Amino acid sequence: MQRKGNFLLISVVLLVVVFGLVYAGVTLTSNLGKSKAEVTAENAGDRLNKLYKKISPAVETPVKGQIDLDPVDVAASLPDIGKFPITVNNTNDNFVEIFSSTEKSGTGVDGWLTDVATEFNKANITVNGKPVSVKIRNIASGTAADYIKSGKYVPDAFTPSNELWGEMVQASGVKTQLVTKRLVGNVPGIVIAKAKYDAMIDKYGSVNIQSVTEAIANNELSMGYTDPFASSTGLNFLVTALHTFDNTNLLSDKAVQEFEKFQSNVPFIASTTIQMRDAAKSGALDGFVLEYQTFVNAADLKSGYVFTPFGFRHDSPLYALGDLPQEKLDILKKFAEFVTQDKYMKSAQEKGFNGLETYKSELAPVDGDLLISAQKVWKEKKNSSKPITAVFVTDVSGSMDGEPLNRLKESLLKGQKYLGRDNSIGLVSYSDGVTIKLPIAKYDTNQQSLFVGAVESLQSAGGTATFDGIVVALKLLEDQLAIDPNTKPVIFVLSDGETNQGYTLQDIKGLIETYKIPIYTIGYNANIQALQNISSINEAASINADTDDVVYKIGNLFNVQM
């Protein structure tokens, strides 16, 4: 009997153990991949408050600094022209230097002009009995226009993506002469997900710039476009939209009012095409702008998206700049003739150019002064219905000592000139702990002076608690949203990326995702990947500041986002 009792006891124990293991396994499996502190919209505030209280940030009394009221000096912010690569070198002393847009003067499918110019230099072309050649510099159209307009560097010639940049260069006082309206064919377009495209066909009967802007204004289409100060397609889209709102006057009260209504429902303006493409891949956008040559070379887009052309064609006009001697003008004319040969037009087609040749723009040419005014209207009105509130989170740890902190200060002091006056800003610094250097307030002259003073007072020491700094910024923005729910919150983190104290990304990632606040990162002597991981959560951009064009880059970023 004793043996039988022991057997029953052992059986019961085994059953309990087995049951316990099964239960533990089920529990483990059901929680696999879940955070211990999973954040939802309902508990985000509580979670943020708990994290914030553990940090207990210091609060400084801001001291005013001396503000600089001079206008933005674009030339001073531009780096040495050597920053932008020469993709074809001249082969003799009788040459012209040409600034070329990046979609045609790079490599691979983006290297059509690179290949043709190389062939031109091998072809023994002569002018006045002397061999000639070309020098091609790869540089984005908007950046190239900034060099030329500011006088920082003016090449012999300029072939931007479209004619709008040529008009603005001419309006800035630089003498221009159109050598040819077209080197190679291309078209800008709106790329829309197939399901959304079909839905628009059902409702509007067609998809064009008119129906797209109407759908965006009605909050039926989530679409992004690129910076019209830097991007050819973004500038084209702005002008085309304004024309749609009033085809008799791009800057009429009606056009501006319709633009404001439309812009209030635009969720995303990208600093770069890459940033916009990443946002589209995440499913955050129904559509975005892109050139046709890029579209046909993107395998991940052709099957699930539909391309609809709009605006002015992107046919790469060629302009001579300044008072060129006749010999240089003759070289440019020879080059323009050379590229039109059948074999080069065929190679262009193989790289995605010269497609949609039947598309013709319905827009009349736009004067350069009007284009410059349109950019200014965009800057003033793009956030007018929903102003921005930004918190700058600055790393003042010991690893930022010296040049990194000096560059950070320079970036903010020069970049702050691009901040819109209707927006609000604050400043947080962090090392071992976190300090609120400047509480959030509207960016008027007083706040600007306090911001300058706060930046100038930054000093480096201690460890790096990056995510503690972000938590404090989130808390400041949450409090501001309680006061003004109509504001759009943004965070800018300026750091070397090396977090070694405080919270981790895993601790606060759920909060960032739940609040959906974009965090733009700017890295100084940085672990760029660590910063990109932060920015990628909500499709924000990440900038490497370890270059001499950091002020220019940050100016462009602030110009778009603020």
Protein backbone atom coordinates (compact mmCIF):
# COMPACT_ATOMS: atom_id res chain seq x y z
CA MET A 1 0.00 0.00 0.00
CA GLN A 2 2.86 2.38 0.85
CA ARG A 3 4.43 1.81 -2.59
CA LYS A 4 1.06 2.48 -4.26
CA GLY A 5 0.60 5.69 -2.25
CA ASN A 6 4.07 6.88 -3.19
CA PHE A 7 3.32 6.18 -6.86
CA LEU A 8 0.13 8.24 -6.71
CA LEU A 9 1.98 11.08 -4.99
CA ILE A 10 4.74 11.07 -7.59
CA SER A 11 2.12 11.04 -10.40
CA VAL A 12 0.36 14.08 -8.96
CA VAL A 13 3.66 15.96 -8.59
CA LEU A 14 4.60 15.15 -12.19
CA LEU A 15 1.22 16.36 -13.43
CA VAL A 16 1.64 19.60 -11.51
CA VAL A 17 5.15 20.08 -12.92
CA VAL A 18 4.02 19.32 -16.48
CA PHE A 19 1.04 21.63 -16.14
CA GLY A 20 3.30 24.34 -14.76
CA LEU A 21 5.73 23.96 -17.66
CA VAL A 22 2.94 24.06 -20.22
CA TYR A 23 1.41 27.12 -18.57
CA ALA A 24 4.79 28.84 -18.45
CA GLY A 25 5.37 28.00 -22.10
CA VAL A 26 2.01 29.39 -23.14
CA THR A 27 2.59 32.53 -21.12
CA LEU A 28 6.08 32.97 -22.56
CA THR A 29 4.83 32.45 -26.09
CA SER A 30 1.93 34.84 -25.70
CA ASN A 31 4.26 37.59 -24.44
CA LEU A 32 7.00 36.93 -26.95
CA GLY A 33 8.05 40.19 -28.56
CA LYS A 34 6.10 42.34 -26.10
CA SER A 35 7.76 44.98 -23.96
CA LYS A 36 7.42 44.80 -20.20
CA ALA A 37 6.13 48.36 -20.40
CA GLU A 38 4.06 48.21 -23.58
CA VAL A 39 2.81 51.70 -24.37
CA THR A 40 -0.69 52.44 -25.60
CA ALA A 41 -2.49 55.71 -26.29
CA GLU A 42 -4.33 55.22 -22.99
CA ASN A 43 -1.29 54.75 -20.76
CA ALA A 44 1.29 56.85 -22.61
CA GLY A 45 0.82 59.87 -20.34
CA ASP A 46 1.26 57.82 -17.18
CA ARG A 47 4.30 56.06 -18.59
CA LEU A 48 5.89 59.37 -19.64
CA ASN A 49 5.25 60.94 -16.23
CA LYS A 50 6.90 58.03 -14.42
CA LEU A 51 10.00 58.21 -16.61
CA TYR A 52 10.14 62.00 -16.29
CA LYS A 53 9.89 61.99 -12.48
CA LYS A 54 12.86 59.61 -12.22
CA ILE A 55 14.94 62.04 -14.28
CA SER A 56 13.91 65.15 -12.30
CA PRO A 57 15.50 67.66 -14.73
CA ALA A 58 17.11 70.88 -13.53
CA VAL A 59 15.59 74.15 -14.73
CA GLU A 60 17.82 77.12 -15.51
CA THR A 61 16.85 80.77 -15.68
CA PRO A 62 17.55 81.77 -19.30
CA VAL A 63 19.92 84.65 -20.00
CA LYS A 64 19.59 86.68 -23.18
CA GLY A 65 22.23 86.63 -25.88
CA GLN A 66 23.00 89.13 -28.64
CA ILE A 67 20.93 88.29 -31.72
CA ASP A 68 22.10 88.81 -35.29
CA LEU A 69 19.40 90.53 -37.35
CA ASP A 70 21.30 90.30 -40.65
CA PRO A 71 19.56 88.16 -43.30
CA VAL A 72 20.70 84.60 -43.95
CA ASP A 73 24.09 84.53 -45.69
CA VAL A 74 23.71 81.59 -48.05
CA ALA A 75 27.19 81.98 -49.51
CA ALA A 76 28.82 81.76 -46.07
CA SER A 77 26.91 78.58 -45.22
CA LEU A 78 27.89 76.78 -48.42
CA PRO A 79 30.97 74.54 -48.21
CA ASP A 80 33.89 74.67 -50.60
CA ILE A 81 32.74 73.54 -54.03
CA GLY A 82 35.19 70.62 -53.82
CA LYS A 83 32.58 68.93 -51.60
CA PHE A 84 30.72 68.01 -54.80
CA PRO A 85 32.46 65.44 -57.00
CA ILE A 86 33.80 65.89 -60.50
CA THR A 87 32.43 62.89 -62.37
CA VAL A 88 34.09 63.79 -65.69
CA ASN A 89 37.39 65.66 -65.80
CA ASN A 90 38.46 67.90 -68.66
CA THR A 91 41.15 66.42 -70.88
CA ASN A 92 42.71 69.69 -72.10
CA ASP A 93 42.88 73.39 -71.29
CA ASN A 94 40.05 74.39 -73.65
CA PHE A 95 37.05 73.26 -71.62
CA VAL A 96 33.82 74.30 -69.95
CA GLU A 97 32.75 73.31 -66.43
CA ILE A 98 29.10 72.26 -66.17
CA PHE A 99 27.04 71.88 -63.00
CA SER A 100 24.76 68.90 -63.62
CA SER A 101 21.76 67.58 -61.67
CA THR A 102 22.40 64.31 -59.88
CA GLU A 103 19.96 62.02 -61.71
CA LYS A 104 22.14 62.17 -64.82
CA SER A 105 25.72 62.87 -63.71
CA GLY A 106 26.27 60.08 -61.19
CA THR A 107 26.92 56.41 -61.91
CA GLY A 108 24.89 53.43 -63.15
CA VAL A 109 21.35 54.33 -64.18
CA ASP A 110 22.06 57.87 -62.94
CA GLY A 111 25.20 58.20 -65.04
CA TRP A 112 23.92 58.99 -68.53
CA LEU A 113 25.58 62.41 -68.83
CA THR A 114 28.72 61.07 -67.18
CA ASP A 115 29.00 58.44 -69.92
CA VAL A 116 28.21 60.84 -72.78
CA ALA A 117 30.60 63.53 -71.54
CA THR A 118 33.37 60.92 -71.26
CA GLU A 119 32.75 59.97 -74.90
CA PHE A 120 32.74 63.65 -75.92
CA ASN A 121 36.17 64.11 -74.37
CA LYS A 122 37.47 61.12 -76.35
CA ALA A 123 35.99 62.23 -79.66
CA ASN A 124 38.66 64.81 -80.64
CA ILE A 125 36.09 67.59 -81.00
CA THR A 126 37.71 70.90 -81.98
CA VAL A 127 36.76 74.57 -81.85
CA ASN A 128 38.86 77.02 -83.88
CA GLY A 129 41.22 74.17 -84.64
CA LYS A 130 41.87 73.36 -80.96
CA PRO A 131 40.71 70.21 -79.13
CA VAL A 132 38.06 70.88 -76.47
CA SER A 133 36.50 69.01 -73.54
CA VAL A 134 33.95 69.30 -70.75
CA LYS A 135 34.17 69.01 -66.97
CA ILE A 136 31.04 67.70 -65.22
CA ARG A 137 30.32 68.39 -61.54
CA ASN A 138 27.57 66.32 -59.87
CA ILE A 139 25.41 68.65 -57.75
CA ALA A 140 21.68 68.85 -56.99
CA SER A 141 19.83 71.56 -58.89
CA GLY A 142 18.72 73.56 -55.84
CA THR A 143 22.19 73.50 -54.28
CA ALA A 144 23.79 74.43 -57.60
CA ALA A 145 21.40 77.37 -57.92
CA ASP A 146 22.41 78.54 -54.43
CA TYR A 147 26.10 78.58 -55.41
CA ILE A 148 25.36 80.47 -58.61
CA LYS A 149 22.85 82.99 -57.18
CA SER A 150 25.06 83.77 -54.17
CA GLY A 151 28.18 84.14 -56.30
CA LYS A 152 30.01 81.60 -54.11
CA TYR A 153 30.98 79.64 -57.22
CA VAL A 154 29.75 80.20 -60.78
CA PRO A 155 30.69 77.55 -63.38
CA ASP A 156 30.61 78.10 -67.13
CA ALA A 157 27.30 76.30 -67.51
CA PHE A 158 24.40 74.74 -65.63
CA THR A 159 22.08 71.87 -66.57
CA PRO A 160 19.43 71.57 -63.83
CA SER A 161 16.55 69.11 -63.97
CA ASN A 162 14.08 71.74 -65.15
CA GLU A 163 13.87 75.31 -66.44
CA LEU A 164 12.57 76.77 -63.15
CA TRP A 165 16.08 76.95 -61.68
CA GLY A 166 17.40 78.72 -64.77
CA GLU A 167 14.68 81.36 -64.43
CA MET A 168 15.55 81.94 -60.76
CA VAL A 169 19.28 82.17 -61.49
CA GLN A 170 18.55 84.79 -64.12
CA ALA A 171 16.25 86.69 -61.75
CA SER A 172 19.07 86.82 -59.18
CA GLY A 173 21.15 88.93 -61.57
CA VAL A 174 23.38 86.25 -63.09
CA LYS A 175 23.52 86.50 -66.86
CA THR A 176 22.16 83.32 -68.46
CA GLN A 177 21.94 82.17 -72.04
CA LEU A 178 19.88 79.13 -73.01
CA VAL A 179 22.06 76.84 -75.12
CA THR A 180 19.36 74.17 -75.51
CA LYS A 181 15.97 73.52 -73.91
CA ARG A 182 16.72 69.81 -73.71
CA LEU A 183 19.62 67.44 -73.25
CA VAL A 184 17.52 64.41 -72.25
CA GLY A 185 13.84 63.83 -71.54
CA ASN A 186 12.27 63.29 -68.13
CA VAL A 187 8.95 63.99 -66.40
CA PRO A 188 7.97 64.64 -62.77
CA GLY A 189 4.99 62.76 -61.40
CA ILE A 190 2.82 61.83 -58.47
CA VAL A 191 3.26 58.18 -57.49
CA ILE A 192 0.12 56.77 -55.84
CA ALA A 193 -0.52 53.33 -54.36
CA LYS A 194 -2.67 51.27 -56.77
CA ALA A 195 -5.62 50.78 -54.40
CA LYS A 196 -5.78 54.50 -53.57
CA TYR A 197 -5.40 55.37 -57.27
CA ASP A 198 -8.37 53.16 -58.17
CA ALA A 199 -10.43 54.75 -55.39
CA MET A 200 -9.66 58.21 -56.77
CA ILE A 201 -10.68 57.12 -60.27
CA ASP A 202 -14.00 55.92 -58.86
CA LYS A 203 -14.65 59.24 -57.10
CA TYR A 204 -13.08 61.88 -59.34
CA GLY A 205 -13.11 60.16 -62.73
CA SER A 206 -9.41 60.84 -63.28
CA VAL A 207 -6.17 61.37 -61.40
CA ASN A 208 -4.39 64.64 -62.12
CA ILE A 209 -3.01 67.58 -60.18
CA GLN A 210 -6.52 69.00 -59.77
CA SER A 211 -8.05 65.86 -58.29
CA VAL A 212 -4.95 65.16 -56.19
CA THR A 213 -4.91 68.60 -54.56
CA GLU A 214 -8.67 68.37 -53.98
CA ALA A 215 -8.34 64.91 -52.41
CA ILE A 216 -5.54 66.16 -50.13
CA ALA A 217 -7.57 69.23 -49.12
CA ASN A 218 -10.50 66.91 -48.31
CA ASN A 219 -8.17 64.70 -46.24
CA GLU A 220 -8.78 61.73 -48.57
CA LEU A 221 -5.16 61.29 -49.70
CA SER A 222 -2.05 61.16 -47.54
CA MET A 223 0.70 62.49 -49.78
CA GLY A 224 4.17 63.93 -49.32
CA TYR A 225 6.36 66.12 -51.44
CA THR A 226 9.93 67.40 -51.27
CA ASP A 227 11.48 70.73 -50.25
CA PRO A 228 10.79 73.31 -53.01
CA PHE A 229 13.95 75.20 -52.05
CA ALA A 230 16.14 72.18 -52.82
CA SER A 231 14.19 69.69 -54.95
CA SER A 232 13.30 70.16 -58.62
CA THR A 233 10.20 68.00 -58.26
CA GLY A 234 9.18 69.73 -55.03
CA LEU A 235 9.49 73.19 -56.61
CA ASN A 236 7.57 71.99 -59.67
CA PHE A 237 4.81 70.58 -57.47
CA LEU A 238 4.49 73.85 -55.52
CA VAL A 239 4.18 75.95 -58.67
CA THR A 240 1.74 73.51 -60.29
CA ALA A 241 -0.45 73.41 -57.17
CA LEU A 242 -0.57 77.22 -56.97
CA HIS A 243 -1.47 77.32 -60.66
CA THR A 244 -4.28 74.85 -60.00
CA PHE A 245 -5.67 77.09 -57.26
CA ASP A 246 -5.60 80.17 -59.54
CA ASN A 247 -4.35 79.82 -63.12
CA THR A 248 -4.36 83.61 -63.64
CA ASN A 249 -2.17 84.56 -60.68
CA LEU A 250 -0.03 82.11 -58.72
CA LEU A 251 0.12 84.43 -55.71
CA SER A 252 -3.43 85.77 -55.59
CA ASP A 253 -5.33 85.78 -52.30
CA LYS A 254 -7.40 82.89 -53.64
CA ALA A 255 -4.31 80.82 -54.55
CA VAL A 256 -2.68 81.43 -51.17
CA GLN A 257 -5.87 80.64 -49.22
CA GLU A 258 -6.40 77.42 -51.18
CA PHE A 259 -2.75 76.51 -50.62
CA GLU A 260 -3.14 76.95 -46.86
CA LYS A 261 -6.22 74.69 -46.85
CA PHE A 262 -4.40 72.10 -48.94
CA GLN A 263 -1.18 72.32 -46.90
CA SER A 264 -3.01 71.78 -43.60
CA ASN A 265 -3.69 68.19 -44.71
CA VAL A 266 -0.20 67.43 -46.06
CA PRO A 267 1.31 65.08 -43.46
CA PHE A 268 4.86 65.07 -44.69
CA ILE A 269 7.35 67.35 -46.42
CA ALA A 270 10.61 65.51 -46.95
CA SER A 271 14.04 67.10 -46.93
CA THR A 272 15.23 64.50 -49.45
CA THR A 273 13.76 61.99 -51.87
CA ILE A 274 15.35 59.17 -49.84
CA GLN A 275 13.55 60.30 -46.69
CA MET A 276 10.27 60.42 -48.59
CA ARG A 277 10.78 56.97 -50.10
CA ASP A 278 11.44 55.54 -46.62
CA ALA A 279 8.19 57.07 -45.36
CA ALA A 280 6.33 55.51 -48.27
CA LYS A 281 7.85 52.09 -47.57
CA SER A 282 6.59 52.28 -44.00
CA GLY A 283 3.03 52.70 -45.25
CA ALA A 284 2.74 56.23 -43.86
CA LEU A 285 1.94 57.73 -47.28
CA ASP A 286 -0.55 56.95 -50.05
CA GLY A 287 1.51 58.88 -52.56
CA PHE A 288 4.56 61.08 -53.16
CA VAL A 289 6.37 62.97 -55.91
CA LEU A 290 9.14 61.44 -58.00
CA GLU A 291 10.78 61.74 -61.41
CA TYR A 292 9.82 59.15 -64.01
CA GLN A 293 13.43 58.07 -64.58
CA THR A 294 13.71 57.16 -60.89
CA PHE A 295 10.30 55.48 -60.89
CA VAL A 296 11.02 53.10 -63.78
CA ASN A 297 14.31 52.05 -62.17
CA ALA A 298 12.66 51.24 -58.82
CA ALA A 299 11.46 47.65 -58.93
CA ASP A 300 9.66 47.98 -55.60
CA LEU A 301 7.43 50.75 -56.99
CA LYS A 302 6.44 49.65 -60.47
CA SER A 303 4.10 46.85 -59.42
CA GLY A 304 2.22 48.53 -56.57
CA TYR A 305 2.09 52.18 -57.62
CA VAL A 306 0.79 54.27 -60.52
CA PHE A 307 2.73 57.23 -61.96
CA THR A 308 0.81 60.36 -63.01
CA PRO A 309 2.83 63.18 -64.65
CA PHE A 310 2.34 66.81 -63.68
CA GLY A 311 3.77 70.28 -64.20
CA PHE A 312 6.77 71.33 -66.26
CA ARG A 313 8.84 68.68 -67.99
CA HIS A 314 12.28 67.86 -66.59
CA ASP A 315 14.21 67.90 -69.84
CA SER A 316 17.57 69.09 -68.48
CA PRO A 317 18.02 72.45 -70.24
CA LEU A 318 21.58 73.73 -70.64
CA TYR A 319 22.46 77.33 -69.72
CA ALA A 320 25.65 79.29 -70.29
CA LEU A 321 26.43 81.54 -67.31
CA GLY A 322 28.06 84.95 -67.14
CA ASP A 323 29.97 86.66 -69.94
CA LEU A 324 31.52 83.59 -71.53
CA PRO A 325 33.96 84.06 -74.41
CA GLN A 326 32.65 82.88 -77.76
CA GLU A 327 34.98 79.89 -77.72
CA LYS A 328 33.33 78.52 -74.56
CA LEU A 329 29.87 79.15 -76.00
CA ASP A 330 30.92 77.16 -79.08
CA ILE A 331 32.10 74.27 -76.88
CA LEU A 332 28.69 74.19 -75.15
CA LYS A 333 26.89 74.20 -78.50
CA LYS A 334 29.09 71.37 -79.79
CA PHE A 335 28.38 69.39 -76.62
CA ALA A 336 24.62 69.98 -76.88
CA GLU A 337 24.71 68.68 -80.47
CA PHE A 338 26.90 65.72 -79.55
CA VAL A 339 24.53 64.29 -76.93
CA THR A 340 21.59 64.15 -79.38
CA GLN A 341 23.18 61.37 -81.45
CA ASP A 342 20.95 58.30 -81.75
CA LYS A 343 23.27 56.02 -79.79
CA TYR A 344 23.27 58.39 -76.82
CA MET A 345 19.51 58.85 -76.94
CA LYS A 346 19.18 55.06 -76.97
CA SER A 347 21.46 54.72 -73.93
CA ALA A 348 19.39 57.41 -72.20
CA GLN A 349 16.26 55.37 -72.77
CA GLU A 350 17.95 52.29 -71.34
CA LYS A 351 18.61 54.30 -68.17
CA GLY A 352 14.96 55.38 -67.87
CA PHE A 353 15.10 58.74 -69.64
CA ASN A 354 13.10 59.79 -72.73
CA GLY A 355 9.95 58.06 -71.48
CA LEU A 356 6.45 59.58 -71.59
CA GLU A 357 7.51 61.66 -74.58
CA THR A 358 3.92 62.56 -75.44
CA TYR A 359 3.44 64.41 -72.14
CA LYS A 360 3.33 68.18 -72.56
CA SER A 361 2.97 70.76 -69.82
CA GLU A 362 -0.13 72.96 -69.90
CA LEU A 363 1.59 75.61 -67.77
CA ALA A 364 2.93 78.81 -69.28
CA PRO A 365 6.54 79.76 -68.45
CA VAL A 366 6.93 81.32 -65.00
CA ASP A 367 9.16 84.34 -64.38
CA GLY A 368 12.06 83.81 -61.96
CA ASP A 369 10.98 86.62 -59.61
CA LEU A 370 7.54 85.00 -59.35
CA LEU A 371 9.16 81.65 -58.54
CA ILE A 372 11.24 83.21 -55.76
CA SER A 373 8.07 84.83 -54.37
CA ALA A 374 6.28 81.46 -54.52
CA GLN A 375 9.06 79.91 -52.40
CA LYS A 376 8.65 82.69 -49.84
CA VAL A 377 4.89 82.14 -49.69
CA TRP A 378 5.51 78.44 -49.12
CA LYS A 379 7.90 79.20 -46.26
CA GLU A 380 5.45 81.63 -44.62
CA LYS A 381 2.25 79.64 -45.12
CA LYS A 382 3.22 75.96 -45.01
CA ASN A 383 2.64 75.73 -41.25
CA SER A 384 0.26 78.67 -40.75
CA SER A 385 -2.78 76.52 -39.98
CA LYS A 386 -0.82 74.30 -37.61
CA PRO A 387 2.33 75.97 -36.28
CA ILE A 388 5.33 73.94 -35.16
CA THR A 389 6.55 73.51 -31.61
CA ALA A 390 10.13 72.24 -31.52
CA VAL A 391 12.38 71.22 -28.66
CA PHE A 392 16.11 71.14 -29.37
CA VAL A 393 17.86 68.42 -27.34
CA THR A 394 21.59 69.13 -27.12
CA ASP A 395 24.33 66.74 -26.03
CA VAL A 396 26.84 68.44 -23.69
CA SER A 397 28.58 65.28 -22.46
CA GLY A 398 32.35 65.08 -22.16
CA SER A 399 32.67 63.33 -25.52
CA MET A 400 31.29 66.50 -27.18
CA ASP A 401 34.13 68.63 -25.78
CA GLY A 402 36.00 70.84 -28.23
CA GLU A 403 35.19 70.80 -31.94
CA PRO A 404 31.91 68.80 -31.76
CA LEU A 405 30.32 71.23 -29.27
CA ASN A 406 31.67 74.24 -31.17
CA ARG A 407 30.08 72.92 -34.37
CA LEU A 408 26.83 72.21 -32.53
CA LYS A 409 26.69 75.80 -31.28
CA GLU A 410 27.53 77.17 -34.72
CA SER A 411 24.83 74.99 -36.28
CA LEU A 412 22.13 76.31 -33.95
CA LEU A 413 23.23 79.95 -33.91
CA LYS A 414 23.33 80.16 -37.71
CA GLY A 415 20.53 77.69 -38.38
CA GLN A 416 18.04 79.46 -36.10
CA LYS A 417 17.66 82.19 -38.73
CA TYR A 418 15.64 79.71 -40.76
CA LEU A 419 13.06 79.17 -38.01
CA GLY A 420 9.59 80.51 -38.79
CA ARG A 421 8.32 83.28 -36.49
CA ASP A 422 4.89 81.68 -36.05
CA ASN A 423 6.47 78.64 -34.44
CA SER A 424 7.51 77.94 -30.83
CA ILE A 425 10.80 76.52 -29.56
CA GLY A 426 12.50 75.27 -26.38
CA LEU A 427 15.97 73.94 -25.55
CA VAL A 428 17.11 71.02 -23.37
CA SER A 429 20.69 69.96 -22.67
CA TYR A 430 21.93 66.68 -21.22
CA SER A 431 25.02 64.89 -19.99
CA ASP A 432 24.70 62.75 -16.82
CA GLY A 433 21.47 64.62 -16.07
CA VAL A 434 19.08 66.81 -18.03
CA THR A 435 18.62 70.58 -17.85
CA ILE A 436 15.74 72.61 -19.27
CA LYS A 437 17.74 75.52 -20.63
CA LEU A 438 14.82 77.31 -22.28
CA PRO A 439 11.11 76.60 -21.72
CA ILE A 440 8.88 76.52 -24.80
CA ALA A 441 7.63 79.90 -26.05
CA LYS A 442 6.76 81.52 -29.38
CA TYR A 443 9.83 82.35 -31.45
CA ASP A 444 9.63 86.12 -31.28
CA THR A 445 12.61 88.44 -30.85
CA ASN A 446 12.65 87.90 -27.08
CA GLN A 447 12.66 84.09 -27.39
CA GLN A 448 15.29 84.30 -30.11
CA SER A 449 17.54 86.28 -27.78
CA LEU A 450 16.98 83.77 -24.96
CA PHE A 451 17.66 80.88 -27.36
CA VAL A 452 20.96 82.44 -28.44
CA GLY A 453 21.93 82.96 -24.80
CA ALA A 454 21.04 79.34 -23.93
CA VAL A 455 23.10 77.98 -26.83
CA GLU A 456 26.10 80.16 -26.01
CA SER A 457 26.04 78.94 -22.39
CA LEU A 458 26.37 75.24 -23.29
CA GLN A 459 29.40 73.56 -21.70
CA SER A 460 30.55 69.95 -21.96
CA ALA A 461 31.17 67.47 -19.11
CA GLY A 462 30.01 64.07 -17.89
CA GLY A 463 28.24 61.09 -19.44
CA THR A 464 25.65 60.80 -22.21
CA ALA A 465 22.00 60.25 -21.26
CA THR A 466 20.48 60.87 -24.70
CA PHE A 467 17.17 59.15 -24.07
CA ASP A 468 16.68 60.98 -20.78
CA GLY A 469 16.94 64.18 -22.79
CA ILE A 470 14.35 62.91 -25.26
CA VAL A 471 11.97 61.97 -22.41
CA VAL A 472 12.18 65.52 -21.05
CA ALA A 473 11.52 66.92 -24.54
CA LEU A 474 8.48 64.63 -24.91
CA LYS A 475 7.17 65.85 -21.56
CA LEU A 476 7.60 69.52 -22.52
CA LEU A 477 5.78 68.88 -25.79
CA GLU A 478 2.97 66.94 -24.09
CA ASP A 479 2.44 69.88 -21.72
CA GLN A 480 2.44 72.29 -24.66
CA LEU A 481 -0.10 70.17 -26.55
CA ALA A 482 -2.39 70.37 -23.51
CA ILE A 483 -2.24 74.16 -23.83
CA ASP A 484 -2.38 74.28 -27.65
CA PRO A 485 -3.62 71.03 -29.24
CA ASN A 486 -3.37 72.63 -32.69
CA THR A 487 0.44 72.72 -32.66
CA LYS A 488 2.62 70.16 -34.45
CA PRO A 489 5.40 68.82 -32.15
CA VAL A 490 8.94 68.13 -33.39
CA ILE A 491 12.20 67.18 -31.68
CA PHE A 492 15.74 67.88 -32.92
CA VAL A 493 18.50 65.86 -31.21
CA LEU A 494 22.08 67.12 -31.66
CA SER A 495 24.56 64.54 -30.35
CA ASP A 496 27.50 62.25 -30.95
CA GLY A 497 25.09 59.33 -30.60
CA GLU A 498 27.02 57.44 -27.94
CA THR A 499 24.51 56.87 -25.11
CA ASN A 500 26.10 55.43 -21.95
CA GLN A 501 23.78 56.49 -19.13
CA GLY A 502 20.09 56.65 -18.27
CA TYR A 503 17.28 55.17 -20.31
CA THR A 504 17.84 53.14 -23.48
CA LEU A 505 16.08 53.33 -26.83
CA GLN A 506 14.17 50.18 -25.89
CA ASP A 507 12.89 51.91 -22.74
CA ILE A 508 11.29 54.77 -24.65
CA LYS A 509 10.72 53.48 -28.19
CA GLY A 510 7.09 52.67 -27.43
CA LEU A 511 6.52 56.23 -26.24
CA ILE A 512 8.06 57.70 -29.39
CA GLU A 513 5.88 55.41 -31.53
CA THR A 514 2.73 56.23 -29.58
CA TYR A 515 3.20 60.00 -29.59
CA LYS A 516 4.22 59.88 -33.29
CA ILE A 517 6.54 62.86 -32.80
CA PRO A 518 9.27 62.97 -35.47
CA ILE A 519 12.78 63.14 -34.03
CA TYR A 520 15.36 64.66 -36.38
CA THR A 521 18.92 63.81 -35.44
CA ILE A 522 22.13 65.69 -36.20
CA GLY A 523 25.35 63.82 -35.46
CA TYR A 524 28.69 65.42 -34.47
CA ASN A 525 31.67 63.06 -34.55
CA ALA A 526 28.85 60.60 -34.17
CA ASN A 527 27.62 57.04 -34.15
CA ILE A 528 25.38 57.89 -37.11
CA GLN A 529 23.62 54.52 -37.10
CA ALA A 530 22.48 55.01 -33.50
CA LEU A 531 20.99 58.37 -34.42
CA GLN A 532 19.40 57.01 -37.58
CA ASN A 533 17.70 54.35 -35.46
CA ILE A 534 16.03 57.11 -33.45
CA SER A 535 14.98 59.13 -36.52
CA SER A 536 13.64 56.13 -38.41
CA ILE A 537 10.93 55.43 -35.81
CA ASN A 538 8.72 58.22 -37.17
CA GLU A 539 10.24 58.80 -40.61
CA ALA A 540 12.45 61.77 -39.72
CA ALA A 541 15.78 62.69 -41.30
CA SER A 542 19.26 62.15 -39.86
CA ILE A 543 22.15 64.45 -40.76
CA ASN A 544 25.86 63.78 -40.46
CA ALA A 545 27.36 67.04 -39.20
CA ASP A 546 30.98 65.89 -39.54
CA THR A 547 31.30 67.85 -42.78
CA ASP A 548 31.91 71.47 -43.70
CA ASP A 549 28.39 71.84 -45.12
CA VAL A 550 26.65 71.23 -41.79
CA VAL A 551 25.28 74.80 -41.50
CA TYR A 552 23.88 74.60 -45.03
CA LYS A 553 22.34 71.18 -44.35
CA ILE A 554 20.78 72.27 -41.08
CA GLY A 555 19.51 75.47 -42.66
CA ASN A 556 17.73 73.38 -45.28
CA LEU A 557 16.34 71.05 -42.60
CA PHE A 558 14.99 73.90 -40.48
CA ASN A 559 13.67 75.64 -43.58
CA VAL A 560 11.54 72.58 -44.39
CA GLN A 561 10.47 71.49 -40.92
CA MET A 562 10.12 74.86 -39.19
